[in-house]
Amino acid sequence: MKTNSFNIQNLVRDNVRKLKPYSSARDEFKDFDKDMIFLDANENPFNNGVNRYPDPRQLNLKAVLAKQKGVGIDNILLGNGSDEVLDLIYRTFCEPKIDNILTLPPTYGMYKVLAETNDIENREVLLNKDFQPDPEKILSSADDYSKLLFICSPNNPTGNAFYPELIEELIKSFNGIVVIDEAYIDFSSQKSWLSRLNEFPNLIVIQTLSKAYGMAGIRLGICYASSEIISILNKIKPPYNVNSLTQQKALERVLNTKEIDKEIETILKERDNLMENLEKISFVSEIYPTDANFVLIRVDDATKRYNQLIEKGIVIRNRTTQPLCENTLRFTVGTPKENAKLIKILKEI
């Protein structure tokens, strides 16, 4: 792709390009933190902490994220979990029954579900035996109607990060939007692609507060992209998609960087310890490299071992139905106490 001639408008659906976005009361009067009498949004006037609509632009939270990540506020879109962000991307760029997307199994299952939900063809190009993408096969599978390429790195369920040179080749060569899902980037030794966001106008980076930040329950996904892409996504975003309580809890958490760093350090230490002990388990035939907060292993009989662990009170994921993942199990790294119990039970069975 010749980035100097890239025009994002050529990829946007006609109806989205022409769409006039909904203007909420809090979009029209933006200084709602001021001490004003608000009679504009048909809200219940009696204060209970959540009687007012939330900031539709989430400016306080975006300001902190922008400073921490080294991007502009206009480079950020927040969603009700990453799944909403991903769905907005589909609905912005993919014409149902006409366009297609490319995914790289084994990978995060929602890419396929969202393609089916939006009636978009999903062209699957398997990773190679080392769980790395094959740019030649991927690019040869694309055509003029290939709008999105999804790259999950570090990858779920395999755990490994993709080689940066392979990702860069795909960003430069794919004639559409490349979406890099970095849900697990905080556990990786590789740098985030946010550091190169300004180089590639066709790049979207997705992150989340569900993993390293420990806030899966509040549902907060983050989209980083050019200001032009963000402005287009904002056109179809529901006006109050991130509620007040989520914004409040997220802001408190992202400001607590010392605690987050400490938890990540503990998880990485426990991950190494778990992998070291897995090497001693007789029925484990392979332990795959990981840049995430989980470990994928291959065993003699995944269903049998999964059921044995369930009987002992431990829930993991059986990934044996996924491409290239026959007889594999995925272990999330737990607390030191939980990991010690897991290792003990694995040795017993």
Protein backbone atom coordinates (compact mmCIF):
# COMPACT_ATOMS: atom_id res chain seq x y z
CA MET A 1 0.00 0.00 0.00
CA LYS A 2 1.28 3.46 -0.90
CA THR A 3 0.51 5.26 2.32
CA ASN A 4 0.95 8.70 0.79
CA SER A 5 -1.96 8.02 -1.57
CA PHE A 6 -4.15 6.18 0.95
CA ASN A 7 -7.68 7.54 1.21
CA ILE A 8 -9.73 6.10 4.05
CA GLN A 9 -12.95 7.40 2.52
CA ASN A 10 -12.58 4.90 -0.31
CA LEU A 11 -13.03 2.07 2.21
CA VAL A 12 -16.00 3.49 4.12
CA ARG A 13 -19.49 2.20 3.31
CA ASP A 14 -21.51 4.69 1.25
CA ASN A 15 -24.32 4.93 3.81
CA VAL A 16 -21.85 5.62 6.64
CA ARG A 17 -20.02 8.23 4.59
CA LYS A 18 -23.31 10.06 3.96
CA LEU A 19 -24.69 9.55 7.47
CA LYS A 20 -25.34 12.53 9.73
CA PRO A 21 -24.57 11.36 13.29
CA TYR A 22 -27.05 11.66 16.13
CA SER A 23 -26.43 14.69 18.31
CA SER A 24 -27.18 14.08 21.99
CA ALA A 25 -27.92 16.75 24.57
CA ARG A 26 -24.45 16.32 26.01
CA ASP A 27 -22.89 16.79 22.57
CA GLU A 28 -24.63 20.12 22.10
CA PHE A 29 -23.77 21.49 25.55
CA LYS A 30 -20.37 20.06 26.33
CA ASP A 31 -19.42 21.68 29.64
CA PHE A 32 -21.72 19.53 31.74
CA ASP A 33 -19.20 19.36 34.59
CA LYS A 34 -19.95 22.99 35.34
CA ASP A 35 -22.38 24.00 38.08
CA MET A 36 -25.36 24.51 35.81
CA ILE A 37 -29.07 23.75 35.94
CA PHE A 38 -29.50 21.03 33.33
CA LEU A 39 -32.98 20.92 31.83
CA ASP A 40 -31.95 19.78 28.36
CA ALA A 41 -31.84 15.96 28.39
CA ASN A 42 -35.14 14.93 30.01
CA GLU A 43 -33.29 13.38 32.95
CA ASN A 44 -34.64 12.80 36.46
CA PRO A 45 -33.39 15.93 38.30
CA PHE A 46 -32.90 14.27 41.71
CA ASN A 47 -29.25 13.50 42.27
CA ASN A 48 -28.41 9.88 43.12
CA GLY A 49 -24.98 9.78 41.49
CA VAL A 50 -26.13 8.31 38.20
CA ASN A 51 -29.22 10.34 37.27
CA ARG A 52 -27.31 12.25 34.57
CA TYR A 53 -26.19 10.91 31.22
CA PRO A 54 -22.47 10.08 31.02
CA ASP A 55 -19.95 12.09 29.02
CA PRO A 56 -20.49 10.74 25.48
CA ARG A 57 -16.87 11.57 24.60
CA GLN A 58 -15.32 10.23 27.85
CA LEU A 59 -12.84 13.13 27.81
CA ASN A 60 -11.39 12.73 31.33
CA LEU A 61 -10.53 9.08 30.76
CA LYS A 62 -9.25 9.70 27.23
CA ALA A 63 -6.98 12.48 28.50
CA VAL A 64 -5.21 10.07 30.87
CA LEU A 65 -4.93 7.32 28.26
CA ALA A 66 -3.62 9.77 25.65
CA LYS A 67 -0.88 10.95 28.01
CA GLN A 68 0.09 7.42 29.04
CA LYS A 69 0.12 6.04 25.49
CA GLY A 70 1.65 9.04 23.73
CA VAL A 71 -1.26 9.65 21.36
CA GLY A 72 -3.83 12.39 20.88
CA ILE A 73 -7.30 12.36 22.39
CA ASP A 74 -8.65 12.39 18.84
CA ASN A 75 -6.80 9.11 18.21
CA ILE A 76 -8.96 7.26 20.78
CA LEU A 77 -12.40 5.67 20.68
CA LEU A 78 -13.79 3.90 23.74
CA GLY A 79 -16.32 1.10 23.59
CA ASN A 80 -18.45 -1.19 25.71
CA GLY A 81 -15.73 -3.83 25.62
CA SER A 82 -13.49 -4.49 22.63
CA ASP A 83 -16.30 -6.45 21.01
CA GLU A 84 -18.35 -3.27 20.50
CA VAL A 85 -15.31 -1.53 19.03
CA LEU A 86 -14.76 -4.43 16.63
CA ASP A 87 -18.43 -4.43 15.63
CA LEU A 88 -18.27 -0.69 14.86
CA ILE A 89 -15.30 -1.35 12.58
CA TYR A 90 -17.22 -4.01 10.66
CA ARG A 91 -20.28 -1.77 10.29
CA THR A 92 -18.18 1.18 9.13
CA PHE A 93 -16.10 -0.51 6.46
CA CYS A 94 -17.84 -3.73 5.33
CA GLU A 95 -20.83 -3.85 3.01
CA PRO A 96 -22.97 -6.92 3.86
CA LYS A 97 -23.00 -9.69 1.24
CA ILE A 98 -20.33 -7.86 -0.79
CA ASP A 99 -17.14 -7.24 1.21
CA ASN A 100 -14.94 -9.73 3.04
CA ILE A 101 -12.49 -9.84 5.92
CA LEU A 102 -9.41 -11.97 6.56
CA THR A 103 -8.67 -13.77 9.82
CA LEU A 104 -5.78 -16.00 10.86
CA PRO A 105 -6.93 -19.08 12.80
CA PRO A 106 -6.43 -20.24 15.40
CA THR A 107 -7.44 -16.84 16.73
CA TYR A 108 -10.01 -14.94 18.78
CA GLY A 109 -13.41 -16.37 17.93
CA MET A 110 -15.38 -13.11 17.93
CA TYR A 111 -13.89 -12.02 14.59
CA LYS A 112 -15.76 -14.87 12.94
CA VAL A 113 -18.95 -14.34 14.96
CA LEU A 114 -19.03 -10.64 14.11
CA ALA A 115 -18.46 -11.41 10.43
CA GLU A 116 -21.44 -13.76 10.46
CA THR A 117 -23.54 -11.27 12.43
CA ASN A 118 -22.83 -8.55 9.87
CA ASP A 119 -23.21 -10.93 6.90
CA ILE A 120 -19.59 -10.49 5.84
CA GLU A 121 -17.51 -13.26 4.24
CA ASN A 122 -14.70 -14.41 6.51
CA ARG A 123 -11.67 -15.70 4.63
CA GLU A 124 -9.56 -17.80 6.96
CA VAL A 125 -5.83 -18.19 6.33
CA LEU A 126 -4.28 -20.59 8.84
CA LEU A 127 -1.14 -19.70 10.73
CA ASN A 128 1.89 -21.87 9.98
CA LYS A 129 3.15 -24.67 12.24
CA ASP A 130 4.97 -22.12 14.40
CA PHE A 131 1.74 -20.16 14.83
CA GLN A 132 3.07 -17.29 12.71
CA PRO A 133 1.26 -15.58 9.80
CA ASP A 134 2.22 -16.27 6.19
CA PRO A 135 2.05 -12.88 4.39
CA GLU A 136 2.19 -14.41 0.93
CA LYS A 137 -0.81 -16.68 1.56
CA ILE A 138 -2.72 -13.91 3.31
CA LEU A 139 -2.22 -11.35 0.55
CA SER A 140 -3.01 -13.88 -2.18
CA SER A 141 -6.33 -14.59 -0.42
CA ALA A 142 -7.34 -10.92 -0.57
CA ASP A 143 -9.16 -9.18 -3.40
CA ASP A 144 -10.68 -5.77 -4.15
CA TYR A 145 -13.46 -6.45 -1.64
CA SER A 146 -11.15 -7.37 1.28
CA LYS A 147 -11.70 -4.52 3.71
CA LEU A 148 -10.27 -5.76 7.03
CA LEU A 149 -7.37 -7.95 8.14
CA PHE A 150 -7.44 -9.02 11.79
CA ILE A 151 -4.13 -9.73 13.53
CA CYS A 152 -4.26 -10.86 17.16
CA SER A 153 -0.78 -10.40 18.65
CA PRO A 154 -0.07 -11.75 21.22
CA ASN A 155 -2.43 -14.31 19.79
CA ASN A 156 -5.31 -16.03 21.53
CA PRO A 157 -5.32 -19.05 22.03
CA THR A 158 -1.68 -19.72 21.11
CA GLY A 159 -0.12 -17.04 23.33
CA ASN A 160 2.73 -16.06 21.03
CA ALA A 161 3.38 -12.63 19.56
CA PHE A 162 3.83 -12.43 15.80
CA TYR A 163 7.16 -11.39 14.32
CA PRO A 164 7.11 -7.59 13.81
CA GLU A 165 8.58 -7.82 10.31
CA LEU A 166 5.71 -10.05 9.20
CA ILE A 167 3.12 -7.66 10.61
CA GLU A 168 4.82 -4.68 9.01
CA GLU A 169 4.81 -6.41 5.62
CA LEU A 170 1.08 -7.00 5.96
CA ILE A 171 0.33 -3.41 7.01
CA LYS A 172 2.27 -2.05 4.05
CA SER A 173 0.88 -4.50 1.49
CA PHE A 174 -2.76 -5.03 2.44
CA ASN A 175 -5.09 -2.68 0.55
CA GLY A 176 -7.50 -2.27 3.43
CA ILE A 177 -7.57 -1.71 7.18
CA VAL A 178 -5.24 -3.79 9.35
CA VAL A 179 -6.65 -4.28 12.86
CA ILE A 180 -4.07 -5.38 15.43
CA ASP A 181 -5.73 -6.74 18.56
CA GLU A 182 -3.34 -6.14 21.47
CA ALA A 183 -5.48 -7.41 24.34
CA TYR A 184 -2.43 -9.11 25.87
CA ILE A 185 0.30 -6.63 24.93
CA ASP A 186 1.04 -5.68 28.56
CA PHE A 187 2.40 -9.19 29.16
CA SER A 188 4.62 -9.19 26.07
CA SER A 189 8.27 -8.31 25.60
CA GLN A 190 7.36 -6.78 22.23
CA LYS A 191 6.44 -3.13 21.80
CA SER A 192 2.92 -2.04 21.06
CA TRP A 193 2.19 -0.92 17.51
CA LEU A 194 0.89 2.30 19.06
CA SER A 195 4.45 3.60 18.80
CA ARG A 196 4.09 3.48 15.01
CA LEU A 197 0.47 4.51 14.67
CA ASN A 198 1.34 7.71 12.83
CA GLU A 199 3.30 5.80 10.17
CA PHE A 200 0.37 3.80 8.84
CA PRO A 201 -2.97 5.46 7.97
CA ASN A 202 -4.59 2.03 7.52
CA LEU A 203 -3.70 0.78 11.02
CA ILE A 204 -6.11 0.30 13.93
CA VAL A 205 -4.83 -0.94 17.31
CA ILE A 206 -7.27 -2.44 19.81
CA GLN A 207 -6.51 -2.70 23.52
CA THR A 208 -8.60 -3.43 26.60
CA LEU A 209 -8.85 -2.98 30.37
CA SER A 210 -10.00 -6.60 30.77
CA LYS A 211 -6.61 -8.30 31.02
CA ALA A 212 -3.60 -6.60 32.60
CA TYR A 213 -5.77 -3.88 34.15
CA GLY A 214 -8.01 -6.48 35.79
CA MET A 215 -11.29 -4.82 34.86
CA ALA A 216 -13.10 -7.39 32.73
CA GLY A 217 -16.30 -6.71 34.66
CA ILE A 218 -16.65 -3.06 33.61
CA ARG A 219 -16.38 -3.75 29.84
CA LEU A 220 -14.02 -1.11 28.47
CA GLY A 221 -12.37 -1.55 25.08
CA ILE A 222 -10.04 0.97 23.46
CA CYS A 223 -9.51 1.72 19.78
CA TYR A 224 -6.46 3.69 18.64
CA ALA A 225 -6.26 4.96 15.07
CA SER A 226 -5.82 8.07 12.95
CA SER A 227 -8.11 10.96 13.86
CA GLU A 228 -9.85 10.47 10.51
CA ILE A 229 -10.73 6.84 11.27
CA ILE A 230 -11.82 7.72 14.81
CA SER A 231 -14.10 10.50 13.56
CA ILE A 232 -15.78 8.05 11.15
CA LEU A 233 -16.31 5.45 13.88
CA ASN A 234 -17.74 8.14 16.14
CA LYS A 235 -20.46 8.80 13.55
CA ILE A 236 -22.09 5.44 14.21
CA LYS A 237 -21.13 4.94 17.86
CA PRO A 238 -24.12 4.93 20.26
CA PRO A 239 -24.04 8.31 22.04
CA TYR A 240 -23.75 6.99 25.60
CA ASN A 241 -22.05 3.64 24.98
CA VAL A 242 -19.69 3.88 28.00
CA ASN A 243 -21.66 4.38 31.20
CA SER A 244 -20.74 6.69 34.07
CA LEU A 245 -19.72 3.92 36.49
CA THR A 246 -17.41 2.35 33.90
CA GLN A 247 -15.78 5.70 33.18
CA GLN A 248 -15.30 6.37 36.90
CA LYS A 249 -13.83 2.95 37.74
CA ALA A 250 -11.62 2.93 34.63
CA LEU A 251 -10.21 6.35 35.45
CA GLU A 252 -9.39 5.29 39.01
CA ARG A 253 -7.66 2.14 37.77
CA VAL A 254 -5.56 3.57 34.93
CA LEU A 255 -4.19 6.19 37.31
CA ASN A 256 -3.01 3.45 39.68
CA THR A 257 -0.01 2.48 37.56
CA LYS A 258 2.10 1.14 40.46
CA GLU A 259 -0.48 -1.50 41.41
CA ILE A 260 -1.00 -2.50 37.78
CA ASP A 261 2.75 -2.87 37.22
CA LYS A 262 3.06 -4.93 40.39
CA GLU A 263 0.28 -7.29 39.31
CA ILE A 264 1.79 -7.72 35.84
CA GLU A 265 5.17 -8.50 37.41
CA THR A 266 3.57 -11.16 39.62
CA ILE A 267 1.68 -12.71 36.70
CA LEU A 268 4.85 -12.92 34.59
CA LYS A 269 6.76 -14.51 37.46
CA GLU A 270 3.94 -17.01 38.03
CA ARG A 271 3.76 -17.71 34.29
CA ASP A 272 7.43 -18.72 34.25
CA ASN A 273 6.95 -20.88 37.31
CA LEU A 274 3.89 -22.56 35.79
CA MET A 275 5.72 -23.33 32.55
CA GLU A 276 8.69 -24.73 34.45
CA ASN A 277 6.41 -27.10 36.39
CA LEU A 278 4.42 -28.10 33.30
CA GLU A 279 7.64 -29.53 31.86
CA LYS A 280 7.57 -32.11 34.67
CA ILE A 281 4.04 -33.37 33.88
CA SER A 282 4.21 -36.73 32.09
CA PHE A 283 1.19 -36.28 29.83
CA VAL A 284 2.32 -32.84 28.55
CA SER A 285 4.00 -33.25 25.15
CA GLU A 286 4.55 -29.59 24.25
CA ILE A 287 4.50 -26.20 25.95
CA TYR A 288 4.16 -23.31 23.53
CA PRO A 289 6.00 -19.98 23.91
CA THR A 290 3.75 -17.27 25.28
CA ASP A 291 3.67 -13.47 25.46
CA ALA A 292 0.31 -13.46 27.21
CA ASN A 293 -1.11 -14.20 30.67
CA PHE A 294 -1.87 -17.77 29.67
CA VAL A 295 -0.08 -20.88 28.48
CA LEU A 296 -1.11 -23.29 25.72
CA ILE A 297 0.05 -26.89 26.05
CA ARG A 298 -0.43 -30.07 24.05
CA VAL A 299 -1.34 -33.21 25.98
CA ASP A 300 -2.12 -36.86 25.33
CA ASP A 301 -5.90 -36.49 25.61
CA ALA A 302 -7.21 -32.96 26.08
CA THR A 303 -10.83 -33.89 26.81
CA LYS A 304 -9.81 -36.45 29.41
CA ARG A 305 -7.45 -34.06 31.18
CA TYR A 306 -9.98 -31.23 31.01
CA ASN A 307 -12.63 -33.40 32.70
CA GLN A 308 -10.17 -34.55 35.36
CA LEU A 309 -9.40 -30.95 36.26
CA ILE A 310 -13.09 -30.04 36.35
CA GLU A 311 -13.64 -32.86 38.85
CA LYS A 312 -10.91 -31.34 41.00
CA GLY A 313 -12.52 -27.89 40.91
CA ILE A 314 -10.30 -26.23 38.28
CA VAL A 315 -11.75 -24.72 35.09
CA ILE A 316 -9.47 -24.26 32.07
CA ARG A 317 -10.15 -24.10 28.31
CA ASN A 318 -10.06 -27.12 26.05
CA ARG A 319 -8.88 -25.74 22.69
CA THR A 320 -8.76 -29.05 20.85
CA THR A 321 -11.56 -28.02 18.45
CA GLN A 322 -9.55 -25.07 17.11
CA PRO A 323 -7.44 -25.35 13.92
CA LEU A 324 -3.90 -26.60 14.58
CA CYS A 325 -4.80 -27.09 18.25
CA GLU A 326 -5.69 -30.77 18.54
CA ASN A 327 -5.30 -32.01 22.12
CA THR A 328 -4.37 -28.62 23.52
CA LEU A 329 -5.37 -27.00 26.80
CA ARG A 330 -5.11 -23.33 27.73
CA PHE A 331 -4.26 -22.29 31.29
CA THR A 332 -4.77 -18.72 32.46
CA VAL A 333 -2.11 -17.71 35.00
CA GLY A 334 -3.84 -17.40 38.36
CA THR A 335 -2.73 -16.21 41.79
CA PRO A 336 0.29 -17.93 43.38
CA LYS A 337 -2.11 -19.96 45.55
CA GLU A 338 -4.25 -20.99 42.58
CA ASN A 339 -1.23 -21.92 40.49
CA ALA A 340 0.23 -24.00 43.30
CA LYS A 341 -3.03 -25.94 43.56
CA LEU A 342 -3.14 -26.43 39.78
CA ILE A 343 0.42 -27.79 39.69
CA LYS A 344 -0.28 -30.11 42.61
CA ILE A 345 -3.39 -31.55 40.93
CA LEU A 346 -1.64 -31.94 37.56
CA LYS A 347 1.06 -34.01 39.23
CA GLU A 348 -1.53 -36.14 40.97
CA ILE A 349 -3.54 -36.99 37.84
